[in-house]
Amino acid sequence: MFKNLSHKAYRRLLGILTLLMVLMLCMQGLYWTGMIGHEEKATQEIGTNEEETKQTTEGIGNLSHDGYTLQQVVILSRHNIRSPLSGSGSDLARLTPHTWFEWSSNPSELSLRGGSLETMMGQYFRKWLEQEKLFPENYDPEGDEVRFYANSKQRTIATADFFSAGLVPVSDEVVEHHMELDEMDPVFSPCLTFVSDSYDKAVKQQMAEMFTDDMEGLKDNYELISDVIDLKDSEAYKSGDRKGFLTDDGKITLENGKEPAMEGSLKTACSVSDALVLQYYEEEDSSKAAFGHDLTMDQWKEIGEIKDVYGDVLFTTPLVSANVAHPLLQEIKSELTHKGRVFSYLCGHDSNIGSVLAALQTEEYTLPDAVELKTPIGSKFVLCKWKGSDGKDYISTDLVYQTPDQLRNLELLDIEHHPSVFPLTLKGLKKNKDGLYEEKAVMDRLDESIGEYDKIVKQYQ
């Protein structure tokens, strides 16, 4: 239908369709809340707990730093909302008697909502970059000033394209990807590129020391998701395939050229957790999102915690993160040192952000105003280069993400109503009074993290 459209015309059409979708959803929401003709915005109820703290739409923190001049931005982004593998006949379908949300996209692909949300995020960054005078209004980049590079999965390419439509809507910027569609790019693939018997043993020992308590502490979380999906009434339960989720049946497999893998309850529970959280973002009725159960925000966080623990175990153990994040760390350094580059957008997955942050030795953190407390859907690791009034160069490190209300309500973003901005702390590095690191300290840490790979090979070969 659109095969004769130019790339620019396609992007303009994309933007128009996004705005129309947002307007339709907003009008629908106003109708059902009985608020048509009023200026006040209805507050989304989460569960039935009257004492529950409501989610704020204002976000926290700020990317700006008064007294500093912005020089460059590098973003490592997770794709936005995608559909899970929950179609008819799937393992997820067999784990519940209920019907999963009817998605607007094929399994694992970016949803319509995900595209709209990412365009909004791109528009926010455009307004912010204009405010900081890194971008002029209606910026049309020349040469290689701006780069969009995505893993070759549909959800990552589409996320980058929607973001670019919001960031540079009058430009013909093309999203770069290097492999055939839906084939993993080695830069973004969190695969192990070195494994030996001694390395395997050391990794599993490190995983056990760091995460055994976390995995064993998921008993209540497992009971919660079993109740939410009504596991005992499912085909899998009745056939004897799944009688519950255990905290001690995990088995880790490390193979060269493959991602760290896990078998057992945590892997299955992670799939359920992922599908429920994505369904919560997409389904307007929070009770329907939980198959008729009224959940508090704390309970949604308990569901999300399962996925957080799964990702931490597989990708944030130091011996693993330095291995799987190695190509992406090199790519980030290349962007930060690329002469003439002012903005870079690298789009991958939660495993990419998790492993990169672990490899950079980021202090432990728990995100406020989020269901996924480590790498929320659509979240972005943002590195900004600044010039101080003292003539020195600095770097800020933040995680930027849309809150549950912003995701569920498709809330437009601007400078005043911005996404959450959470400052990240790198172990052993000292920030100045304005929360910035000296550029050399961050670049030295990046070199150190890249160098860890060679140390691992040398030690465990």
Protein backbone atom coordinates (compact mmCIF):
# COMPACT_ATOMS: atom_id res chain seq x y z
CA MET A 1 0.00 0.00 0.00
CA PHE A 2 2.85 2.38 0.88
CA LYS A 3 5.52 0.97 -1.42
CA ASN A 4 5.78 4.12 -3.56
CA LEU A 5 6.18 6.49 -0.61
CA SER A 6 9.54 8.12 0.01
CA HIS A 7 11.20 7.56 3.39
CA LYS A 8 10.38 11.14 4.42
CA ALA A 9 6.73 10.79 3.35
CA TYR A 10 6.51 7.52 5.23
CA ARG A 11 7.88 9.13 8.39
CA ARG A 12 5.38 11.98 8.12
CA LEU A 13 2.54 9.50 7.64
CA LEU A 14 3.90 7.56 10.64
CA GLY A 15 3.76 10.68 12.77
CA ILE A 16 0.20 11.51 11.70
CA LEU A 17 -1.01 7.98 12.44
CA THR A 18 0.64 8.09 15.86
CA LEU A 19 -1.05 11.37 16.77
CA LEU A 20 -4.42 10.07 15.55
CA MET A 21 -4.05 6.97 17.70
CA VAL A 22 -3.20 9.07 20.74
CA LEU A 23 -6.19 11.36 20.19
CA MET A 24 -8.57 8.42 19.76
CA LEU A 25 -7.34 6.75 22.93
CA CYS A 26 -7.54 10.00 24.87
CA MET A 27 -11.16 10.61 23.74
CA GLN A 28 -12.06 7.02 24.61
CA GLY A 29 -10.57 7.43 28.07
CA LEU A 30 -12.41 10.70 28.64
CA TYR A 31 -15.70 9.13 27.56
CA TRP A 32 -15.46 6.17 29.90
CA THR A 33 -14.41 8.30 32.85
CA GLY A 34 -17.23 10.74 32.26
CA MET A 35 -14.83 13.63 31.98
CA ILE A 36 -15.60 15.00 28.48
CA GLY A 37 -15.68 18.77 28.61
CA HIS A 38 -13.57 18.94 31.77
CA GLU A 39 -9.95 19.99 31.99
CA GLU A 40 -9.07 17.78 34.97
CA LYS A 41 -7.41 14.48 34.21
CA ALA A 42 -8.86 11.31 35.69
CA THR A 43 -6.55 9.38 37.99
CA GLN A 44 -6.03 5.76 37.04
CA GLU A 45 -7.00 3.44 39.90
CA ILE A 46 -4.63 0.55 40.52
CA GLY A 47 -6.37 -2.25 42.41
CA THR A 48 -8.77 -1.65 45.29
CA ASN A 49 -6.40 -0.75 48.10
CA GLU A 50 -7.50 2.73 49.28
CA GLU A 51 -4.14 3.35 50.95
CA GLU A 52 -2.17 2.59 47.80
CA THR A 53 0.14 5.33 46.61
CA LYS A 54 -0.84 6.54 43.13
CA GLN A 55 1.76 6.76 40.37
CA THR A 56 2.98 10.25 39.56
CA THR A 57 3.06 11.45 35.95
CA GLU A 58 5.64 14.15 36.56
CA GLY A 59 8.65 11.85 36.68
CA ILE A 60 11.71 12.46 38.80
CA GLY A 61 15.04 14.10 38.24
CA ASN A 62 16.18 16.17 35.31
CA LEU A 63 18.66 15.59 32.50
CA SER A 64 19.72 19.25 32.48
CA HIS A 65 22.61 20.73 34.47
CA ASP A 66 22.62 24.49 34.96
CA GLY A 67 25.92 26.15 34.19
CA TYR A 68 27.04 23.40 31.77
CA THR A 69 26.89 23.28 27.97
CA LEU A 70 25.65 20.05 26.40
CA GLN A 71 28.03 18.73 23.73
CA GLN A 72 27.01 15.16 22.95
CA VAL A 73 24.42 12.50 23.87
CA VAL A 74 24.75 8.72 23.55
CA ILE A 75 21.69 6.57 24.33
CA LEU A 76 21.49 2.82 24.78
CA SER A 77 17.78 2.01 24.64
CA ARG A 78 15.62 -1.00 25.30
CA HIS A 79 12.87 -1.49 22.73
CA ASN A 80 9.40 -0.30 23.70
CA ILE A 81 6.27 -2.41 24.37
CA ARG A 82 6.19 -5.64 22.38
CA SER A 83 3.86 -8.60 22.30
CA PRO A 84 4.93 -11.75 24.20
CA LEU A 85 4.95 -15.30 22.88
CA SER A 86 1.45 -15.98 24.20
CA GLY A 87 -0.49 -17.11 21.12
CA SER A 88 -2.74 -20.13 20.88
CA GLY A 89 -0.86 -23.34 21.63
CA SER A 90 2.10 -21.57 23.21
CA ASP A 91 3.50 -22.55 26.61
CA LEU A 92 2.00 -19.39 28.10
CA ALA A 93 -1.43 -20.29 26.75
CA ARG A 94 -1.21 -23.72 28.43
CA LEU A 95 -0.33 -22.18 31.82
CA THR A 96 -3.67 -20.43 32.29
CA PRO A 97 -7.32 -21.12 31.47
CA HIS A 98 -7.65 -17.43 30.55
CA THR A 99 -7.13 -15.82 27.17
CA TRP A 100 -4.18 -13.49 26.94
CA PHE A 101 -4.51 -9.95 25.61
CA GLU A 102 -5.18 -9.76 21.87
CA TRP A 103 -2.10 -7.95 20.66
CA SER A 104 -1.85 -5.51 17.76
CA SER A 105 1.40 -7.10 16.62
CA ASN A 106 2.83 -10.53 15.90
CA PRO A 107 4.61 -12.35 18.75
CA SER A 108 7.73 -10.50 19.99
CA GLU A 109 7.12 -7.51 17.67
CA LEU A 110 6.59 -3.87 18.67
CA SER A 111 2.95 -3.04 19.42
CA LEU A 112 1.07 0.02 18.17
CA ARG A 113 1.18 1.42 21.68
CA GLY A 114 4.92 0.77 21.85
CA GLY A 115 5.43 2.74 18.64
CA SER A 116 3.34 5.65 19.87
CA LEU A 117 5.16 5.75 23.21
CA GLU A 118 8.56 5.73 21.54
CA THR A 119 7.58 8.60 19.26
CA MET A 120 6.57 10.55 22.36
CA MET A 121 9.93 9.79 23.94
CA GLY A 122 11.68 11.00 20.79
CA GLN A 123 9.63 14.20 20.88
CA TYR A 124 10.61 14.78 24.50
CA PHE A 125 14.30 14.41 23.70
CA ARG A 126 13.87 16.75 20.70
CA LYS A 127 12.40 19.49 22.93
CA TRP A 128 15.08 18.92 25.56
CA LEU A 129 17.93 19.00 23.04
CA GLU A 130 16.50 22.21 21.58
CA GLN A 131 16.30 23.69 25.06
CA GLU A 132 19.95 22.75 25.64
CA LYS A 133 20.82 24.21 22.20
CA LEU A 134 22.46 21.01 20.98
CA PHE A 135 19.77 20.82 18.27
CA PRO A 136 18.36 23.83 16.41
CA GLU A 137 14.61 23.80 15.82
CA ASN A 138 13.57 21.51 12.94
CA TYR A 139 17.04 19.97 12.94
CA ASP A 140 18.01 18.19 9.74
CA PRO A 141 21.36 16.55 10.54
CA GLU A 142 24.20 16.67 8.04
CA GLY A 143 26.80 14.00 7.46
CA ASP A 144 27.14 11.65 10.42
CA GLU A 145 26.20 14.09 13.19
CA VAL A 146 23.35 11.78 14.24
CA ARG A 147 23.27 7.99 14.21
CA PHE A 148 20.46 5.49 14.76
CA TYR A 149 21.70 1.91 15.07
CA ALA A 150 19.48 -1.02 16.09
CA ASN A 151 19.70 -4.75 16.55
CA SER A 152 18.16 -6.45 13.54
CA LYS A 153 15.01 -7.58 15.34
CA GLN A 154 11.69 -6.06 14.24
CA ARG A 155 10.99 -4.58 17.67
CA THR A 156 14.36 -2.84 17.90
CA ILE A 157 14.40 -1.49 14.34
CA ALA A 158 10.82 -0.26 14.71
CA THR A 159 11.55 1.31 18.11
CA ALA A 160 14.50 3.23 16.67
CA ASP A 161 12.42 4.37 13.68
CA PHE A 162 9.58 5.64 15.88
CA PHE A 163 12.09 7.42 18.14
CA SER A 164 13.75 9.07 15.15
CA ALA A 165 10.34 10.21 13.87
CA GLY A 166 9.84 12.09 17.14
CA LEU A 167 13.44 13.32 17.44
CA VAL A 168 14.11 14.59 13.90
CA PRO A 169 10.69 14.63 12.16
CA VAL A 170 11.85 16.70 9.17
CA SER A 171 14.91 14.57 8.49
CA ASP A 172 15.46 11.53 6.28
CA GLU A 173 17.54 9.74 8.91
CA VAL A 174 17.59 5.97 8.34
CA VAL A 175 17.91 3.35 11.08
CA GLU A 176 21.09 1.36 10.57
CA HIS A 177 21.04 -2.40 11.10
CA HIS A 178 23.55 -4.93 9.87
CA MET A 179 21.91 -8.37 9.73
CA GLU A 180 18.93 -9.94 8.01
CA LEU A 181 15.61 -9.10 9.67
CA ASP A 182 15.14 -10.93 12.99
CA GLU A 183 18.74 -12.18 13.03
CA MET A 184 20.74 -11.08 16.08
CA ASP A 185 23.53 -8.56 15.48
CA PRO A 186 26.72 -9.66 17.34
CA VAL A 187 27.02 -6.14 18.81
CA PHE A 188 23.64 -6.50 20.54
CA SER A 189 23.56 -10.26 21.04
CA PRO A 190 24.30 -11.01 24.73
CA CYS A 191 26.16 -14.17 23.78
CA LEU A 192 29.21 -15.59 25.47
CA THR A 193 32.22 -15.42 23.15
CA PHE A 194 34.54 -17.25 25.51
CA VAL A 195 33.76 -20.31 27.66
CA SER A 196 36.06 -22.87 29.28
CA ASP A 197 35.56 -25.47 32.00
CA SER A 198 37.25 -23.28 34.61
CA TYR A 199 35.27 -20.23 33.48
CA ASP A 200 32.00 -22.20 33.66
CA LYS A 201 32.80 -23.26 37.23
CA ALA A 202 33.80 -19.75 38.33
CA VAL A 203 30.68 -18.15 36.82
CA LYS A 204 28.29 -20.58 38.46
CA GLN A 205 30.01 -20.10 41.80
CA GLN A 206 29.72 -16.32 41.42
CA MET A 207 26.05 -16.60 40.45
CA ALA A 208 25.33 -18.76 43.49
CA GLU A 209 27.10 -16.35 45.84
CA MET A 210 25.34 -13.30 44.47
CA PHE A 211 21.82 -14.52 43.70
CA THR A 212 20.92 -17.67 45.67
CA ASP A 213 19.07 -15.62 48.31
CA ASP A 214 17.23 -13.65 45.62
CA MET A 215 16.10 -16.80 43.83
CA GLU A 216 15.05 -18.53 47.05
CA GLY A 217 13.18 -15.38 48.07
CA LEU A 218 10.77 -15.66 45.13
CA LYS A 219 8.42 -18.11 46.83
CA ASP A 220 5.75 -15.48 47.53
CA ASN A 221 6.16 -14.06 44.02
CA TYR A 222 5.56 -17.51 42.55
CA GLU A 223 2.44 -17.99 44.66
CA LEU A 224 1.15 -14.63 43.46
CA ILE A 225 1.54 -15.34 39.75
CA SER A 226 0.08 -18.84 40.23
CA ASP A 227 -3.02 -17.23 41.73
CA VAL A 228 -3.22 -14.50 39.08
CA ILE A 229 -3.06 -16.91 36.12
CA ASP A 230 -5.20 -19.51 38.00
CA LEU A 231 -2.54 -22.13 37.32
CA LYS A 232 -4.49 -25.00 38.92
CA ASP A 233 -7.24 -24.64 36.32
CA SER A 234 -4.80 -24.65 33.40
CA GLU A 235 -4.12 -27.33 30.82
CA ALA A 236 -0.49 -27.56 31.94
CA TYR A 237 -1.47 -28.21 35.58
CA LYS A 238 -4.18 -30.74 34.77
CA SER A 239 -1.85 -32.68 32.47
CA GLY A 240 0.83 -32.77 35.17
CA ASP A 241 3.34 -30.69 33.16
CA ARG A 242 3.41 -27.91 35.74
CA LYS A 243 2.36 -28.32 39.37
CA GLY A 244 3.86 -25.10 40.66
CA PHE A 245 7.02 -23.04 40.70
CA LEU A 246 10.01 -24.13 42.78
CA THR A 247 12.84 -21.96 44.07
CA ASP A 248 15.58 -24.57 43.82
CA ASP A 249 15.25 -26.29 40.46
CA GLY A 250 17.23 -23.85 38.32
CA LYS A 251 19.95 -25.14 36.01
CA ILE A 252 22.38 -22.76 34.28
CA THR A 253 24.03 -23.60 30.96
CA LEU A 254 26.99 -21.68 29.52
CA GLU A 255 27.98 -22.36 25.91
CA ASN A 256 30.31 -20.49 23.63
CA GLY A 257 28.38 -18.53 20.99
CA LYS A 258 25.11 -18.68 22.93
CA GLU A 259 23.38 -16.58 25.56
CA PRO A 260 23.61 -17.77 29.18
CA ALA A 261 20.63 -20.09 29.54
CA MET A 262 18.48 -21.36 32.38
CA GLU A 263 16.09 -24.25 32.80
CA GLY A 264 13.54 -24.63 35.58
CA SER A 265 10.84 -22.69 37.36
CA LEU A 266 12.50 -19.28 37.20
CA LYS A 267 12.67 -19.38 33.40
CA THR A 268 9.00 -20.34 33.09
CA ALA A 269 7.94 -17.85 35.74
CA CYS A 270 9.92 -15.14 33.96
CA SER A 271 7.88 -15.75 30.80
CA VAL A 272 4.67 -15.41 32.82
CA SER A 273 5.96 -12.30 34.59
CA ASP A 274 6.98 -10.71 31.29
CA ALA A 275 3.61 -11.44 29.65
CA LEU A 276 1.60 -10.16 32.62
CA VAL A 277 3.58 -6.93 32.89
CA LEU A 278 3.29 -6.26 29.16
CA GLN A 279 -0.43 -7.02 29.36
CA TYR A 280 -0.72 -4.53 32.24
CA TYR A 281 0.86 -1.82 30.10
CA GLU A 282 -1.47 -2.51 27.17
CA GLU A 283 -4.82 -3.34 28.83
CA GLU A 284 -6.72 -0.23 30.01
CA ASP A 285 -8.61 -2.21 32.65
CA SER A 286 -6.05 -3.22 35.29
CA SER A 287 -8.36 -5.94 36.62
CA LYS A 288 -8.67 -7.52 33.16
CA ALA A 289 -4.88 -7.28 32.84
CA ALA A 290 -4.66 -9.53 35.90
CA PHE A 291 -7.37 -11.93 34.67
CA GLY A 292 -10.01 -10.52 37.02
CA HIS A 293 -7.77 -10.03 40.06
CA ASP A 294 -7.49 -6.60 41.66
CA LEU A 295 -3.80 -6.07 42.32
CA THR A 296 -2.02 -3.28 44.16
CA MET A 297 1.02 -1.59 42.64
CA ASP A 298 3.19 -3.48 45.13
CA GLN A 299 1.79 -6.74 43.79
CA TRP A 300 2.54 -5.72 40.21
CA LYS A 301 6.09 -5.00 41.35
CA GLU A 302 6.25 -8.49 42.90
CA ILE A 303 5.31 -9.90 39.51
CA GLY A 304 7.92 -7.76 37.78
CA GLU A 305 10.58 -8.77 40.32
CA ILE A 306 10.61 -12.31 38.92
CA LYS A 307 11.79 -11.02 35.57
CA ASP A 308 14.29 -8.68 37.26
CA VAL A 309 15.90 -11.56 39.17
CA TYR A 310 16.04 -13.75 36.06
CA GLY A 311 17.85 -11.03 34.11
CA ASP A 312 20.22 -10.28 36.98
CA VAL A 313 21.25 -13.92 37.39
CA LEU A 314 21.98 -14.48 33.70
CA PHE A 315 23.50 -11.17 32.63
CA THR A 316 24.79 -9.08 35.55
CA THR A 317 27.22 -11.46 37.25
CA PRO A 318 30.59 -9.68 36.76
CA LEU A 319 32.24 -12.59 34.95
CA VAL A 320 29.26 -12.76 32.57
CA SER A 321 28.61 -9.05 32.02
CA ALA A 322 32.22 -8.36 30.98
CA ASN A 323 31.89 -11.19 28.45
CA VAL A 324 28.45 -10.57 26.88
CA ALA A 325 28.62 -6.75 26.96
CA HIS A 326 32.09 -6.53 25.42
CA PRO A 327 31.04 -5.66 21.83
CA LEU A 328 28.47 -3.10 22.98
CA LEU A 329 30.92 -1.44 25.36
CA GLN A 330 33.28 -1.01 22.43
CA GLU A 331 30.43 0.47 20.36
CA ILE A 332 29.56 2.96 23.10
CA LYS A 333 33.20 4.05 23.36
CA SER A 334 33.33 4.44 19.59
CA GLU A 335 30.29 6.73 19.68
CA LEU A 336 31.62 8.83 22.55
CA THR A 337 34.91 9.38 20.72
CA HIS A 338 33.48 9.81 17.19
CA LYS A 339 34.55 13.23 15.91
CA GLY A 340 31.57 15.28 14.80
CA ARG A 341 28.94 13.02 16.35
CA VAL A 342 26.42 14.92 18.50
CA PHE A 343 23.73 12.29 19.04
CA SER A 344 23.73 8.47 19.01
CA TYR A 345 20.81 6.10 19.58
CA LEU A 346 21.62 2.40 19.99
CA CYS A 347 18.54 0.17 20.34
CA GLY A 348 18.70 -3.27 21.88
CA HIS A 349 17.24 -5.18 24.80
CA ASP A 350 17.00 -5.24 28.60
CA SER A 351 19.86 -7.76 28.67
CA ASN A 352 22.02 -5.18 26.87
CA ILE A 353 21.35 -2.42 29.39
CA GLY A 354 21.64 -4.80 32.35
CA SER A 355 24.97 -6.27 31.25
CA VAL A 356 26.47 -2.90 30.24
CA LEU A 357 25.56 -1.29 33.56
CA ALA A 358 26.95 -4.27 35.44
CA ALA A 359 30.17 -4.23 33.42
CA LEU A 360 30.56 -0.50 34.18
CA GLN A 361 30.23 -1.36 37.89
CA THR A 362 27.05 0.61 38.51
CA GLU A 363 25.93 0.79 42.13
CA GLU A 364 22.89 -1.35 43.00
CA TYR A 365 19.66 0.57 42.39
CA THR A 366 15.88 0.19 42.54
CA LEU A 367 13.88 2.49 40.30
CA PRO A 368 11.00 4.45 41.83
CA ASP A 369 7.66 4.75 40.03
CA ALA A 370 8.19 1.59 37.98
CA VAL A 371 6.93 -1.99 37.76
CA GLU A 372 10.20 -3.28 36.30
CA LEU A 373 12.72 -1.97 38.80
CA LYS A 374 15.94 -2.33 36.78
CA THR A 375 15.42 -1.95 33.02
CA PRO A 376 11.79 -0.95 32.32
CA ILE A 377 10.30 -1.30 28.87
CA GLY A 378 11.58 1.48 26.61
CA SER A 379 14.18 2.57 29.19
CA LYS A 380 17.33 4.37 28.12
CA PHE A 381 20.85 4.51 29.51
CA VAL A 382 21.83 8.09 28.69
CA LEU A 383 25.41 9.37 28.68
CA CYS A 384 25.74 13.13 28.16
CA LYS A 385 28.95 15.06 27.59
CA TRP A 386 29.03 18.55 29.13
CA LYS A 387 31.43 21.48 29.08
CA GLY A 388 31.69 23.17 32.45
CA SER A 389 32.17 26.88 33.09
CA ASP A 390 35.58 25.87 34.43
CA GLY A 391 36.53 24.64 30.97
CA LYS A 392 36.58 20.99 32.02
CA ASP A 393 34.67 18.17 30.32
CA TYR A 394 32.13 16.12 32.27
CA ILE A 395 29.76 13.19 31.72
CA SER A 396 26.39 12.44 33.31
CA THR A 397 24.98 8.91 33.57
CA ASP A 398 21.20 8.49 33.87
CA LEU A 399 18.44 5.98 33.27
CA VAL A 400 15.39 7.53 31.58
CA TYR A 401 12.05 5.70 31.45
CA GLN A 402 8.31 6.25 31.18
CA THR A 403 6.30 5.60 34.36
CA PRO A 404 3.48 3.02 34.44
CA ASP A 405 0.90 5.81 34.16
CA GLN A 406 2.71 7.35 31.21
CA LEU A 407 2.84 3.95 29.51
CA ARG A 408 -0.75 2.97 30.26
CA ASN A 409 -2.33 6.35 29.60
CA LEU A 410 -0.22 7.32 26.58
CA GLU A 411 0.66 10.59 28.27
CA LEU A 412 2.33 13.18 26.09
CA LEU A 413 5.78 14.23 27.28
CA ASP A 414 7.33 17.68 27.35
CA ILE A 415 9.90 19.59 29.38
CA GLU A 416 7.53 20.04 32.34
CA HIS A 417 5.87 16.61 32.14
CA HIS A 418 8.94 14.55 31.42
CA PRO A 419 9.79 10.87 31.82
CA SER A 420 11.55 9.74 34.98
CA VAL A 421 15.26 10.51 35.09
CA PHE A 422 17.23 8.39 37.56
CA PRO A 423 20.92 9.27 38.12
CA LEU A 424 23.18 6.22 38.10
CA THR A 425 26.28 5.94 40.29
CA LEU A 426 29.48 4.23 39.17
CA LYS A 427 31.32 2.47 41.99
CA GLY A 428 34.54 4.12 43.03
CA LEU A 429 34.05 7.28 40.94
CA LYS A 430 33.39 10.63 42.55
CA LYS A 431 30.76 13.04 41.26
CA ASN A 432 31.18 16.80 41.59
CA LYS A 433 28.69 18.94 43.51
CA ASP A 434 26.42 19.04 40.45
CA GLY A 435 26.25 15.26 40.07
CA LEU A 436 28.67 14.96 37.14
CA TYR A 437 31.76 12.85 36.59
CA GLU A 438 34.93 14.15 35.01
CA GLU A 439 34.97 12.82 31.45
CA LYS A 440 38.35 11.14 31.85
CA ALA A 441 37.13 9.12 34.85
CA VAL A 442 34.19 7.71 32.89
CA MET A 443 36.28 6.99 29.80
CA ASP A 444 38.89 5.26 31.97
CA ARG A 445 36.11 3.13 33.51
CA LEU A 446 34.86 2.28 30.04
CA ASP A 447 38.37 1.20 28.99
CA GLU A 448 38.69 -0.82 32.21
CA SER A 449 35.39 -2.60 31.54
CA ILE A 450 36.38 -3.37 27.96
CA GLY A 451 39.73 -4.70 29.18
CA GLU A 452 38.07 -7.12 31.60
CA TYR A 453 37.25 -9.42 28.69
CA ASP A 454 40.91 -10.04 27.88
CA LYS A 455 41.64 -10.61 31.55
CA ILE A 456 38.93 -13.26 31.72
CA VAL A 457 40.27 -15.06 28.64
CA LYS A 458 43.80 -14.99 30.02
CA GLN A 459 42.78 -16.23 33.47
CA TYR A 460 40.38 -19.01 32.44
CA GLN A 461 41.69 -20.26 29.09
